[in-house]
Amino acid sequence: MSILYRSDAERGRTWARIFAAEAPDLPFHIWPDTGNLEAIEYLVAWQPSAEFLHSLPSLKLLFSIGAGVDQIGLEQVPDTVSVVRMVEPGIVSGIVEFATMAVLALHRNVLHYQRAQREAEWRHLDVVPAAERRVGIMGLGVLGQAVLQALSPFGFALRGWSRTPKQIPGVDCYSGSDAFEGFLGGCDILVCLLPLTDATRRILDQRLFRCLPTGARLVNLGRGGHLDQSALLEALDSGRLSAAVLDVCEPEPLPVGHPFWQHPSIMLTPHIAGVTQPVTAARIVLENIRRHRRGEPLHNVVDRAAGY
């Protein structure tokens, strides 16, 4: 019985120290040192190939090193292997910090003032009180609910949408496809925190943008695959949307010359909103391994039918 870490080697060394101190009976290997492939029961990875997964006959648990699992390709994982999402305090706090920063930046027209500064123009916009700004969150899981909690003290009118019904104090909650357009129609700032599945790919498209109020702003912290890039450019250039903050793109990094790089209404960051912190992540995985060895239910197991 052993565990293999197949991701950033520097971070892996931190994981190795945690496991050596807290689970010395469980051999820990960092790729490319795999040890005996037949002994590996636990794999921590970002994007393992189907060929590699099938080379591990004893594999029981596959832990995603990040919050999403769309990069793995669930159809290539043997049915005997449970896939586990990474939900750890470092990712949650990072997403909360970034989402709060992005919403406040859009609320207070920071992109407008950055353009004005570059052009040496003193261009004043009216300040809209937070109570008159409606912020909507797509995706009401751990991350979405944490972001809503962080935004609540500012006084925004908060709303959220999810595939299945949720009830969150102080938040107008919508669910299912029938309620989607009604949710969008009340979002001055829309934040995407959805998982990427077949159902949500390119969900940020022309149809969605037309449902938002004119001049709405967008924050995408999900995946680059959620966004129809051409539709966003059209919406920004036509005034349908006024600004966008994008932490994720497709592909990553964007090629040189891509219009997002220089667009005056886009703030672009290199997928840094929620970064897995090795110390807390290692302990989260170790606790799930202990639960597995005791025959207890695991935390954050992926529902393959839902895709997350």
Protein backbone atom coordinates (compact mmCIF):
# COMPACT_ATOMS: atom_id res chain seq x y z
CA MET A 1 0.00 0.00 0.00
CA SER A 2 1.42 3.41 -1.01
CA ILE A 3 0.52 6.88 -2.28
CA LEU A 4 1.87 8.60 -5.38
CA TYR A 5 1.97 12.36 -5.83
CA ARG A 6 2.08 13.34 -9.50
CA SER A 7 2.06 17.12 -9.67
CA ASP A 8 4.43 20.01 -8.88
CA ALA A 9 7.50 18.38 -7.31
CA GLU A 10 8.38 21.33 -5.06
CA ARG A 11 4.94 21.29 -3.49
CA GLY A 12 5.17 17.52 -3.36
CA ARG A 13 8.12 17.75 -1.00
CA THR A 14 5.92 19.60 1.47
CA TRP A 15 3.33 16.84 1.13
CA ALA A 16 6.05 14.26 1.73
CA ARG A 17 7.09 15.94 4.99
CA ILE A 18 3.49 15.97 6.22
CA PHE A 19 2.96 12.30 5.41
CA ALA A 20 6.32 11.27 6.90
CA ALA A 21 5.43 13.01 10.17
CA GLU A 22 1.76 12.08 10.39
CA ALA A 23 1.44 8.79 8.46
CA PRO A 24 4.90 7.14 8.57
CA ASP A 25 3.36 3.74 7.83
CA LEU A 26 2.17 4.88 4.38
CA PRO A 27 4.97 5.03 1.78
CA PHE A 28 4.82 8.36 -0.10
CA HIS A 29 6.31 8.72 -3.59
CA ILE A 30 6.79 11.81 -5.76
CA TRP A 31 6.72 11.30 -9.53
CA PRO A 32 8.80 10.07 -11.34
CA ASP A 33 9.78 7.89 -8.35
CA THR A 34 6.71 5.65 -8.31
CA GLY A 35 7.93 2.74 -6.27
CA ASN A 36 6.05 -0.45 -7.04
CA LEU A 37 3.15 0.51 -9.34
CA GLU A 38 1.15 -2.48 -8.14
CA ALA A 39 1.28 -1.18 -4.54
CA ILE A 40 -0.18 2.27 -5.30
CA GLU A 41 -3.66 2.58 -3.81
CA TYR A 42 -3.84 6.38 -3.67
CA LEU A 43 -2.95 8.85 -6.42
CA VAL A 44 -2.80 12.66 -6.15
CA ALA A 45 -2.67 14.22 -9.61
CA TRP A 46 -3.89 16.97 -11.92
CA GLN A 47 -4.31 15.30 -15.30
CA PRO A 48 -3.37 11.62 -15.27
CA SER A 49 -3.65 9.80 -18.58
CA ALA A 50 -5.97 6.82 -19.02
CA GLU A 51 -2.95 4.70 -19.85
CA PHE A 52 -1.26 5.61 -16.57
CA LEU A 53 -4.42 5.02 -14.52
CA HIS A 54 -4.79 1.56 -15.98
CA SER A 55 -1.18 0.79 -15.05
CA LEU A 56 -2.16 0.98 -11.37
CA PRO A 57 -4.05 -2.28 -10.67
CA SER A 58 -4.51 -1.57 -6.93
CA LEU A 59 -5.65 2.04 -7.26
CA LYS A 60 -8.63 2.85 -5.05
CA LEU A 61 -8.74 6.66 -4.74
CA LEU A 62 -7.79 9.39 -7.19
CA PHE A 63 -7.44 12.82 -5.59
CA SER A 64 -7.60 15.87 -7.83
CA ILE A 65 -4.88 18.35 -6.86
CA GLY A 66 -7.28 21.21 -7.73
CA ALA A 67 -10.87 22.10 -6.98
CA GLY A 68 -12.15 20.91 -10.37
CA VAL A 69 -12.12 17.46 -11.96
CA ASP A 70 -13.00 18.37 -15.55
CA GLN A 71 -9.33 18.10 -16.53
CA ILE A 72 -9.21 14.43 -15.53
CA GLY A 73 -11.84 12.99 -17.84
CA LEU A 74 -14.01 10.88 -15.57
CA GLU A 75 -14.84 8.42 -18.34
CA GLN A 76 -11.21 7.27 -18.41
CA VAL A 77 -11.08 6.46 -14.67
CA PRO A 78 -11.84 2.80 -13.85
CA ASP A 79 -15.21 2.29 -12.17
CA THR A 80 -13.45 0.73 -9.18
CA VAL A 81 -11.68 4.02 -8.41
CA SER A 82 -13.36 6.83 -6.49
CA VAL A 83 -12.47 10.36 -7.61
CA VAL A 84 -12.20 13.02 -4.90
CA ARG A 85 -12.33 16.80 -5.38
CA MET A 86 -9.89 19.07 -3.57
CA VAL A 87 -11.79 21.20 -1.08
CA GLU A 88 -9.32 22.76 1.33
CA PRO A 89 -9.12 26.04 3.25
CA GLY A 90 -6.40 27.54 1.03
CA ILE A 91 -8.50 27.24 -2.13
CA VAL A 92 -11.62 28.54 -0.40
CA SER A 93 -9.91 31.58 1.15
CA GLY A 94 -8.16 32.37 -2.12
CA ILE A 95 -11.39 32.28 -4.12
CA VAL A 96 -13.16 34.38 -1.49
CA GLU A 97 -10.39 37.01 -1.52
CA PHE A 98 -10.27 37.18 -5.31
CA ALA A 99 -14.03 37.21 -5.81
CA THR A 100 -14.45 39.97 -3.25
CA MET A 101 -11.69 41.99 -4.91
CA ALA A 102 -13.21 41.49 -8.36
CA VAL A 103 -16.76 42.38 -7.32
CA LEU A 104 -15.59 45.50 -5.51
CA ALA A 105 -13.39 46.51 -8.45
CA LEU A 106 -16.32 46.20 -10.84
CA HIS A 107 -18.71 47.86 -8.41
CA ARG A 108 -16.39 50.88 -8.05
CA ASN A 109 -15.53 51.04 -11.79
CA VAL A 110 -11.81 50.33 -11.38
CA LEU A 111 -11.34 49.31 -15.01
CA HIS A 112 -12.86 52.62 -16.11
CA TYR A 113 -10.47 54.58 -13.92
CA GLN A 114 -7.48 52.55 -15.10
CA ARG A 115 -8.34 53.48 -18.69
CA ALA A 116 -8.79 57.12 -17.71
CA GLN A 117 -5.43 57.16 -15.95
CA ARG A 118 -3.64 55.72 -19.00
CA GLU A 119 -5.29 58.40 -21.14
CA ALA A 120 -4.54 61.16 -18.57
CA GLU A 121 -8.22 62.04 -18.29
CA TRP A 122 -10.11 62.97 -15.10
CA ARG A 123 -13.34 61.08 -15.84
CA HIS A 124 -15.74 60.82 -12.93
CA LEU A 125 -18.55 58.25 -12.71
CA ASP A 126 -21.43 58.39 -10.24
CA VAL A 127 -20.99 56.10 -7.25
CA VAL A 128 -23.78 53.53 -7.00
CA PRO A 129 -24.51 52.48 -3.38
CA ALA A 130 -23.84 48.80 -2.74
CA ALA A 131 -27.48 48.31 -1.73
CA GLU A 132 -28.45 49.24 -5.28
CA ARG A 133 -26.00 46.82 -6.90
CA ARG A 134 -27.23 43.26 -7.46
CA VAL A 135 -24.57 40.54 -7.32
CA GLY A 136 -25.36 37.04 -8.55
CA ILE A 137 -23.35 33.88 -7.98
CA MET A 138 -23.64 30.93 -10.37
CA GLY A 139 -22.80 27.84 -8.34
CA LEU A 140 -23.82 27.52 -4.69
CA GLY A 141 -21.44 24.86 -3.44
CA VAL A 142 -18.74 25.43 -0.82
CA LEU A 143 -17.05 28.18 -2.84
CA GLY A 144 -20.21 30.01 -3.88
CA GLN A 145 -21.62 30.07 -0.37
CA ALA A 146 -18.29 31.27 1.07
CA VAL A 147 -18.18 34.13 -1.46
CA LEU A 148 -21.76 35.14 -0.65
CA GLN A 149 -20.92 35.20 3.06
CA ALA A 150 -17.91 37.44 2.39
CA LEU A 151 -19.93 39.85 0.24
CA SER A 152 -22.83 40.14 2.68
CA PRO A 153 -21.33 42.85 4.95
CA PHE A 154 -21.00 45.27 2.02
CA GLY A 155 -24.77 45.45 1.65
CA PHE A 156 -25.11 44.17 -1.91
CA ALA A 157 -28.43 42.66 -2.99
CA LEU A 158 -27.31 39.03 -3.26
CA ARG A 159 -28.77 36.23 -5.37
CA GLY A 160 -27.57 32.78 -6.37
CA TRP A 161 -28.34 30.08 -8.89
CA SER A 162 -27.64 26.35 -8.71
CA ARG A 163 -28.73 23.19 -10.48
CA THR A 164 -30.59 21.96 -7.40
CA PRO A 165 -32.51 24.05 -4.81
CA LYS A 166 -30.58 25.75 -2.00
CA GLN A 167 -31.65 27.98 0.86
CA ILE A 168 -29.15 30.58 2.09
CA PRO A 169 -30.11 33.30 4.59
CA GLY A 170 -30.04 36.76 3.05
CA VAL A 171 -29.73 35.42 -0.52
CA ASP A 172 -32.43 35.13 -3.17
CA CYS A 173 -31.86 31.58 -4.42
CA TYR A 174 -32.87 30.25 -7.83
CA SER A 175 -32.49 26.73 -9.19
CA GLY A 176 -32.94 24.78 -12.38
CA SER A 177 -33.23 25.84 -15.99
CA ASP A 178 -36.72 27.32 -15.62
CA ALA A 179 -35.46 29.93 -13.12
CA PHE A 180 -32.21 30.74 -14.92
CA GLU A 181 -33.31 33.72 -17.00
CA GLY A 182 -35.12 35.26 -14.04
CA PHE A 183 -31.94 34.97 -11.99
CA LEU A 184 -29.82 36.56 -14.72
CA GLY A 185 -32.20 39.47 -15.21
CA GLY A 186 -31.38 40.71 -11.70
CA CYS A 187 -27.57 40.47 -11.86
CA ASP A 188 -25.60 43.69 -12.26
CA ILE A 189 -22.45 41.72 -11.46
CA LEU A 190 -22.40 38.01 -12.33
CA VAL A 191 -19.82 35.66 -10.81
CA CYS A 192 -19.35 32.19 -12.34
CA LEU A 193 -18.22 29.52 -9.89
CA LEU A 194 -19.77 26.55 -11.63
CA PRO A 195 -17.98 23.26 -12.22
CA LEU A 196 -17.22 22.59 -15.87
CA THR A 197 -19.42 19.81 -17.24
CA ASP A 198 -21.04 19.02 -20.57
CA ALA A 199 -24.07 20.98 -19.35
CA THR A 200 -22.10 24.10 -18.37
CA ARG A 201 -19.55 24.30 -21.18
CA ARG A 202 -19.93 27.64 -23.01
CA ILE A 203 -22.73 28.63 -20.65
CA LEU A 204 -21.39 32.21 -20.67
CA ASP A 205 -22.61 32.84 -24.19
CA GLN A 206 -24.55 35.38 -26.23
CA ARG A 207 -27.92 34.14 -24.98
CA LEU A 208 -26.83 34.50 -21.35
CA PHE A 209 -25.37 37.97 -21.90
CA ARG A 210 -28.64 39.11 -23.49
CA CYS A 211 -30.50 38.07 -20.34
CA LEU A 212 -28.34 40.31 -18.13
CA PRO A 213 -29.20 43.98 -17.59
CA THR A 214 -27.50 46.29 -20.07
CA GLY A 215 -24.07 47.28 -18.77
CA ALA A 216 -23.71 44.27 -16.45
CA ARG A 217 -20.26 43.06 -15.41
CA LEU A 218 -18.84 39.51 -15.42
CA VAL A 219 -16.40 37.60 -13.21
CA ASN A 220 -15.35 34.12 -14.35
CA LEU A 221 -13.60 32.04 -11.69
CA GLY A 222 -14.83 28.68 -12.98
CA ARG A 223 -13.04 27.39 -16.06
CA GLY A 224 -12.09 28.91 -19.38
CA GLY A 225 -14.41 26.41 -21.03
CA HIS A 226 -17.42 28.15 -19.49
CA LEU A 227 -16.89 31.19 -21.71
CA ASP A 228 -17.74 31.81 -25.34
CA GLN A 229 -14.90 34.24 -26.03
CA SER A 230 -16.36 35.71 -29.21
CA ALA A 231 -19.67 36.34 -27.46
CA LEU A 232 -17.90 38.17 -24.64
CA LEU A 233 -15.99 40.41 -27.03
CA GLU A 234 -19.18 41.21 -28.92
CA ALA A 235 -21.03 41.96 -25.67
CA LEU A 236 -18.28 44.27 -24.42
CA ASP A 237 -17.83 46.09 -27.71
CA SER A 238 -21.58 46.62 -28.12
CA GLY A 239 -22.07 47.88 -24.55
CA ARG A 240 -24.24 44.91 -23.56
CA LEU A 241 -21.57 44.26 -20.89
CA SER A 242 -19.36 46.98 -19.46
CA ALA A 243 -16.46 45.00 -17.97
CA ALA A 244 -15.16 41.51 -17.21
CA VAL A 245 -12.66 39.99 -14.80
CA LEU A 246 -11.28 36.67 -16.07
CA ASP A 247 -9.03 34.44 -13.97
CA VAL A 248 -9.47 31.45 -16.29
CA CYS A 249 -9.16 31.09 -20.05
CA GLU A 250 -9.04 28.46 -22.76
CA PRO A 251 -6.28 27.75 -23.58
CA GLU A 252 -4.02 28.71 -20.70
CA PRO A 253 -1.96 30.71 -21.31
CA LEU A 254 -3.69 32.66 -24.05
CA PRO A 255 -1.63 32.98 -27.26
CA VAL A 256 0.26 36.17 -28.01
CA GLY A 257 -1.98 38.59 -29.87
CA HIS A 258 -5.23 37.31 -28.36
CA PRO A 259 -7.70 40.23 -28.05
CA PHE A 260 -8.19 39.64 -24.31
CA TRP A 261 -4.62 40.79 -23.57
CA GLN A 262 -5.18 44.39 -24.59
CA HIS A 263 -8.95 44.80 -24.26
CA PRO A 264 -9.64 47.91 -22.16
CA SER A 265 -12.70 46.37 -20.50
CA ILE A 266 -11.07 43.10 -19.44
CA MET A 267 -8.97 42.42 -16.35
CA LEU A 268 -7.02 39.21 -16.94
CA THR A 269 -5.16 37.13 -14.33
CA PRO A 270 -3.33 33.80 -14.82
CA HIS A 271 -5.58 31.32 -12.94
CA ILE A 272 -4.39 32.39 -9.51
CA ALA A 273 -7.67 33.04 -7.66
CA GLY A 274 -7.71 29.78 -5.72
CA VAL A 275 -4.39 28.01 -5.33
CA THR A 276 -4.07 24.72 -3.47
CA GLN A 277 -1.96 25.20 -0.33
CA PRO A 278 0.23 22.12 0.16
CA VAL A 279 0.16 21.88 3.97
CA THR A 280 -3.61 22.05 4.38
CA ALA A 281 -4.26 20.05 1.20
CA ALA A 282 -1.99 17.20 2.34
CA ARG A 283 -3.84 16.97 5.64
CA ILE A 284 -7.24 17.02 3.91
CA VAL A 285 -6.15 14.11 1.68
CA LEU A 286 -4.61 12.26 4.62
CA GLU A 287 -7.84 12.50 6.58
CA ASN A 288 -9.77 11.05 3.64
CA ILE A 289 -7.26 8.21 3.34
CA ARG A 290 -7.71 7.46 7.04
CA ARG A 291 -11.47 7.43 6.56
CA HIS A 292 -11.06 5.05 3.62
CA ARG A 293 -8.87 2.69 5.65
CA ARG A 294 -11.45 2.70 8.46
CA GLY A 295 -14.28 2.01 6.03
CA GLU A 296 -15.95 5.38 6.68
CA PRO A 297 -17.65 7.59 4.07
CA LEU A 298 -15.28 9.90 2.22
CA HIS A 299 -15.55 13.67 1.92
CA ASN A 300 -15.98 15.40 -1.49
CA VAL A 301 -16.38 12.30 -3.65
CA VAL A 302 -17.26 13.18 -7.24
CA ASP A 303 -20.72 12.24 -8.51
CA ARG A 304 -19.81 10.89 -11.93
CA ALA A 305 -23.33 11.32 -13.26
CA ALA A 306 -23.30 15.02 -12.37
CA GLY A 307 -19.67 15.51 -13.37
CA TYR A 308 -18.52 17.09 -10.10
